[in-house]
N, C-alpha and C. Protein backbone atom coordinates (compact mmCIF):
# COMPACT_ATOMS: atom_id res chain seq x y z
N MET A 1 0.82 -1.19 0.00
CA MET A 1 0.00 0.00 0.00
C MET A 1 0.86 1.26 0.00
N MET A 2 1.90 1.27 0.86
CA MET A 2 2.75 2.45 0.94
C MET A 2 3.48 2.70 -0.39
N ARG A 3 3.93 1.65 -1.01
CA ARG A 3 4.63 1.81 -2.28
C ARG A 3 3.67 2.35 -3.36
N MET A 4 2.43 1.86 -3.35
CA MET A 4 1.44 2.34 -4.30
C MET A 4 1.20 3.84 -4.09
N ILE A 5 1.08 4.25 -2.84
CA ILE A 5 0.87 5.67 -2.54
C ILE A 5 2.07 6.49 -3.02
N ALA A 6 3.25 6.06 -2.64
CA ALA A 6 4.46 6.81 -2.98
C ALA A 6 4.65 6.95 -4.48
N MET A 7 4.31 5.93 -5.23
CA MET A 7 4.56 5.94 -6.66
C MET A 7 3.43 6.56 -7.48
N ASN A 8 2.23 6.64 -6.92
CA ASN A 8 1.10 7.05 -7.73
C ASN A 8 0.32 8.26 -7.25
N ALA A 9 0.56 8.75 -6.06
CA ALA A 9 -0.24 9.85 -5.52
C ALA A 9 -0.14 11.12 -6.36
N HIS A 10 0.98 11.32 -7.02
CA HIS A 10 1.17 12.52 -7.83
C HIS A 10 0.69 12.35 -9.28
N ASP A 11 0.32 11.15 -9.66
CA ASP A 11 -0.08 10.86 -11.03
C ASP A 11 -1.38 11.57 -11.40
N ASP A 12 -1.41 12.19 -12.57
CA ASP A 12 -2.60 12.92 -13.01
C ASP A 12 -3.82 12.03 -13.17
N ASP A 13 -3.61 10.78 -13.58
CA ASP A 13 -4.73 9.89 -13.86
C ASP A 13 -5.24 9.16 -12.62
N VAL A 14 -4.36 8.72 -11.77
CA VAL A 14 -4.79 7.91 -10.63
C VAL A 14 -4.55 8.55 -9.26
N GLY A 15 -3.94 9.73 -9.24
CA GLY A 15 -3.62 10.37 -7.98
C GLY A 15 -4.82 10.58 -7.07
N ASP A 16 -5.93 11.06 -7.64
CA ASP A 16 -7.12 11.28 -6.83
C ASP A 16 -7.65 9.97 -6.24
N LEU A 17 -7.60 8.91 -7.04
CA LEU A 17 -8.06 7.60 -6.56
C LEU A 17 -7.17 7.07 -5.44
N VAL A 18 -5.87 7.22 -5.59
CA VAL A 18 -4.93 6.76 -4.58
C VAL A 18 -5.12 7.54 -3.29
N ARG A 19 -5.24 8.86 -3.40
CA ARG A 19 -5.43 9.68 -2.20
C ARG A 19 -6.76 9.37 -1.51
N ALA A 20 -7.81 9.16 -2.29
CA ALA A 20 -9.11 8.82 -1.70
C ALA A 20 -9.07 7.46 -1.01
N ALA A 21 -8.42 6.49 -1.63
CA ALA A 21 -8.31 5.16 -1.02
C ALA A 21 -7.48 5.22 0.26
N GLN A 22 -6.39 5.98 0.24
CA GLN A 22 -5.56 6.13 1.43
C GLN A 22 -6.36 6.78 2.56
N ALA A 23 -7.10 7.81 2.24
CA ALA A 23 -7.89 8.51 3.26
C ALA A 23 -8.96 7.60 3.85
N GLU A 24 -9.66 6.89 2.99
CA GLU A 24 -10.77 6.05 3.44
C GLU A 24 -10.30 4.79 4.18
N GLN A 25 -9.28 4.14 3.66
CA GLN A 25 -8.87 2.85 4.20
C GLN A 25 -7.82 2.95 5.32
N LEU A 26 -7.05 4.02 5.34
CA LEU A 26 -5.97 4.13 6.32
C LEU A 26 -6.12 5.35 7.23
N GLN A 27 -6.14 6.53 6.63
CA GLN A 27 -6.08 7.77 7.40
C GLN A 27 -7.28 7.95 8.32
N GLN A 28 -8.49 7.84 7.78
CA GLN A 28 -9.68 8.07 8.60
C GLN A 28 -9.85 7.03 9.71
N PRO A 29 -9.69 5.74 9.43
CA PRO A 29 -9.80 4.77 10.52
C PRO A 29 -8.74 4.99 11.61
N LEU A 30 -7.52 5.34 11.19
CA LEU A 30 -6.46 5.59 12.16
C LEU A 30 -6.78 6.84 12.99
N ALA A 31 -7.29 7.88 12.36
CA ALA A 31 -7.66 9.10 13.09
C ALA A 31 -8.76 8.81 14.09
N THR A 32 -9.71 7.98 13.71
CA THR A 32 -10.79 7.60 14.62
C THR A 32 -10.24 6.81 15.80
N LEU A 33 -9.38 5.86 15.52
CA LEU A 33 -8.77 5.03 16.56
C LEU A 33 -7.94 5.87 17.53
N LEU A 34 -7.18 6.80 16.99
CA LEU A 34 -6.29 7.62 17.80
C LEU A 34 -6.98 8.84 18.41
N GLY A 35 -8.13 9.20 17.85
CA GLY A 35 -8.83 10.38 18.32
C GLY A 35 -8.14 11.67 17.90
N SER A 36 -7.33 11.61 16.85
CA SER A 36 -6.57 12.77 16.42
C SER A 36 -6.17 12.65 14.95
N SER A 37 -6.63 13.60 14.16
CA SER A 37 -6.22 13.60 12.75
C SER A 37 -4.75 13.97 12.61
N GLU A 38 -4.24 14.78 13.55
CA GLU A 38 -2.83 15.15 13.50
C GLU A 38 -1.93 13.94 13.73
N ARG A 39 -2.24 13.14 14.73
CA ARG A 39 -1.43 11.94 15.00
C ARG A 39 -1.50 10.96 13.83
N ALA A 40 -2.69 10.80 13.27
CA ALA A 40 -2.84 9.90 12.12
C ALA A 40 -1.99 10.40 10.95
N ALA A 41 -2.01 11.70 10.70
CA ALA A 41 -1.22 12.26 9.60
C ALA A 41 0.27 12.07 9.84
N LEU A 42 0.73 12.31 11.06
CA LEU A 42 2.15 12.12 11.37
C LEU A 42 2.56 10.66 11.23
N PHE A 43 1.70 9.75 11.70
CA PHE A 43 1.98 8.33 11.58
C PHE A 43 2.10 7.94 10.10
N MET A 44 1.15 8.40 9.29
CA MET A 44 1.18 8.07 7.86
C MET A 44 2.43 8.66 7.19
N ALA A 45 2.78 9.90 7.56
CA ALA A 45 3.98 10.52 6.98
C ALA A 45 5.23 9.74 7.35
N ALA A 46 5.31 9.32 8.62
CA ALA A 46 6.47 8.55 9.07
C ALA A 46 6.54 7.21 8.35
N ALA A 47 5.41 6.52 8.26
CA ALA A 47 5.39 5.21 7.61
C ALA A 47 5.72 5.32 6.13
N LEU A 48 5.15 6.33 5.47
CA LEU A 48 5.42 6.52 4.05
C LEU A 48 6.88 6.92 3.83
N GLY A 49 7.39 7.80 4.69
CA GLY A 49 8.79 8.20 4.58
C GLY A 49 9.74 7.03 4.75
N LEU A 50 9.46 6.18 5.73
CA LEU A 50 10.29 4.99 5.93
C LEU A 50 10.24 4.08 4.71
N SER A 51 9.05 3.91 4.16
CA SER A 51 8.90 3.05 2.99
C SER A 51 9.70 3.58 1.81
N VAL A 52 9.60 4.89 1.56
CA VAL A 52 10.33 5.50 0.45
C VAL A 52 11.84 5.37 0.69
N ALA A 53 12.27 5.68 1.90
CA ALA A 53 13.70 5.61 2.21
C ALA A 53 14.23 4.19 2.05
N GLU A 54 13.46 3.23 2.51
CA GLU A 54 13.90 1.85 2.44
C GLU A 54 13.91 1.32 1.02
N LYS A 55 12.84 1.56 0.29
CA LYS A 55 12.70 0.96 -1.05
C LYS A 55 13.39 1.73 -2.16
N SER A 56 13.45 3.05 -2.02
CA SER A 56 13.95 3.86 -3.13
C SER A 56 15.34 4.42 -2.91
N LEU A 57 15.59 4.94 -1.72
CA LEU A 57 16.85 5.63 -1.48
C LEU A 57 17.97 4.71 -1.00
N HIS A 58 17.59 3.54 -0.45
CA HIS A 58 18.58 2.58 0.05
C HIS A 58 19.58 3.26 0.99
N LEU A 59 19.07 4.00 1.96
CA LEU A 59 19.94 4.72 2.88
C LEU A 59 20.76 3.76 3.72
N GLU A 60 22.02 4.10 3.93
CA GLU A 60 22.93 3.23 4.68
C GLU A 60 22.45 2.98 6.11
N GLY A 61 21.82 3.96 6.73
CA GLY A 61 21.39 3.82 8.11
C GLY A 61 20.20 2.92 8.31
N ILE A 62 19.57 2.52 7.22
CA ILE A 62 18.41 1.64 7.31
C ILE A 62 18.85 0.21 7.01
N THR A 63 18.92 -0.59 8.05
CA THR A 63 19.28 -1.99 7.91
C THR A 63 18.06 -2.80 8.33
N VAL A 64 17.33 -3.28 7.38
CA VAL A 64 16.09 -3.99 7.65
C VAL A 64 16.37 -5.27 8.43
N ALA A 65 15.44 -5.61 9.30
CA ALA A 65 15.47 -6.86 10.09
C ALA A 65 16.61 -6.88 11.11
N SER A 66 16.94 -5.71 11.63
CA SER A 66 17.93 -5.68 12.69
C SER A 66 17.28 -5.05 13.92
N PRO A 67 17.76 -5.38 15.10
CA PRO A 67 17.21 -4.77 16.31
C PRO A 67 17.35 -3.24 16.30
N HIS A 68 18.44 -2.75 15.74
CA HIS A 68 18.65 -1.30 15.68
C HIS A 68 17.59 -0.64 14.79
N TYR A 69 17.33 -1.23 13.63
CA TYR A 69 16.30 -0.69 12.73
C TYR A 69 14.93 -0.73 13.40
N GLU A 70 14.62 -1.84 14.04
CA GLU A 70 13.34 -1.95 14.74
C GLU A 70 13.20 -0.86 15.79
N SER A 71 14.26 -0.59 16.51
CA SER A 71 14.25 0.46 17.53
C SER A 71 14.02 1.84 16.90
N GLN A 72 14.66 2.11 15.78
CA GLN A 72 14.48 3.38 15.08
C GLN A 72 13.04 3.55 14.61
N VAL A 73 12.51 2.51 14.01
CA VAL A 73 11.14 2.56 13.50
C VAL A 73 10.15 2.72 14.65
N ARG A 74 10.33 1.95 15.69
CA ARG A 74 9.44 2.02 16.85
C ARG A 74 9.44 3.43 17.44
N HIS A 75 10.61 4.02 17.59
CA HIS A 75 10.70 5.37 18.13
C HIS A 75 9.97 6.38 17.24
N LEU A 76 10.21 6.31 15.96
CA LEU A 76 9.59 7.24 15.02
C LEU A 76 8.06 7.13 15.05
N LEU A 77 7.55 5.92 14.99
CA LEU A 77 6.10 5.72 14.96
C LEU A 77 5.45 6.03 16.31
N GLU A 78 6.10 5.67 17.40
CA GLU A 78 5.54 5.98 18.72
C GLU A 78 5.51 7.50 18.95
N THR A 79 6.52 8.18 18.47
CA THR A 79 6.55 9.63 18.61
C THR A 79 5.38 10.26 17.83
N ALA A 80 5.12 9.76 16.64
CA ALA A 80 3.98 10.25 15.85
C ALA A 80 2.67 9.97 16.59
N LEU A 81 2.55 8.78 17.17
CA LEU A 81 1.30 8.39 17.84
C LEU A 81 1.06 9.14 19.14
N THR A 82 2.11 9.65 19.75
CA THR A 82 1.95 10.34 21.03
C THR A 82 2.09 11.86 20.89
N TYR A 83 2.07 12.35 19.69
CA TYR A 83 2.15 13.79 19.46
C TYR A 83 1.03 14.49 20.22
N PRO A 84 1.32 15.55 20.95
CA PRO A 84 0.28 16.24 21.74
C PRO A 84 -0.66 17.04 20.85
N ALA A 85 -1.73 16.42 20.45
CA ALA A 85 -2.69 17.06 19.53
C ALA A 85 -3.64 17.96 20.29
């Protein structure tokens, strides 16, 4: 899902569909669960950013399936989820 969003959200033909699907299937349910549209947006931005960095940029600091990477991801996502909205 994240890769689809990253690769197609800007597309003139399917961008609106991708954004609508993301909002309906991910963003809105997460905002309802968290009670905060800001936290949901930050979580989605963090998750999408990690996906892009991992799949496209191949950053040296991202070592998938390591305890260090898990710790980095957990910190980033928990920080988004606990943002004082």
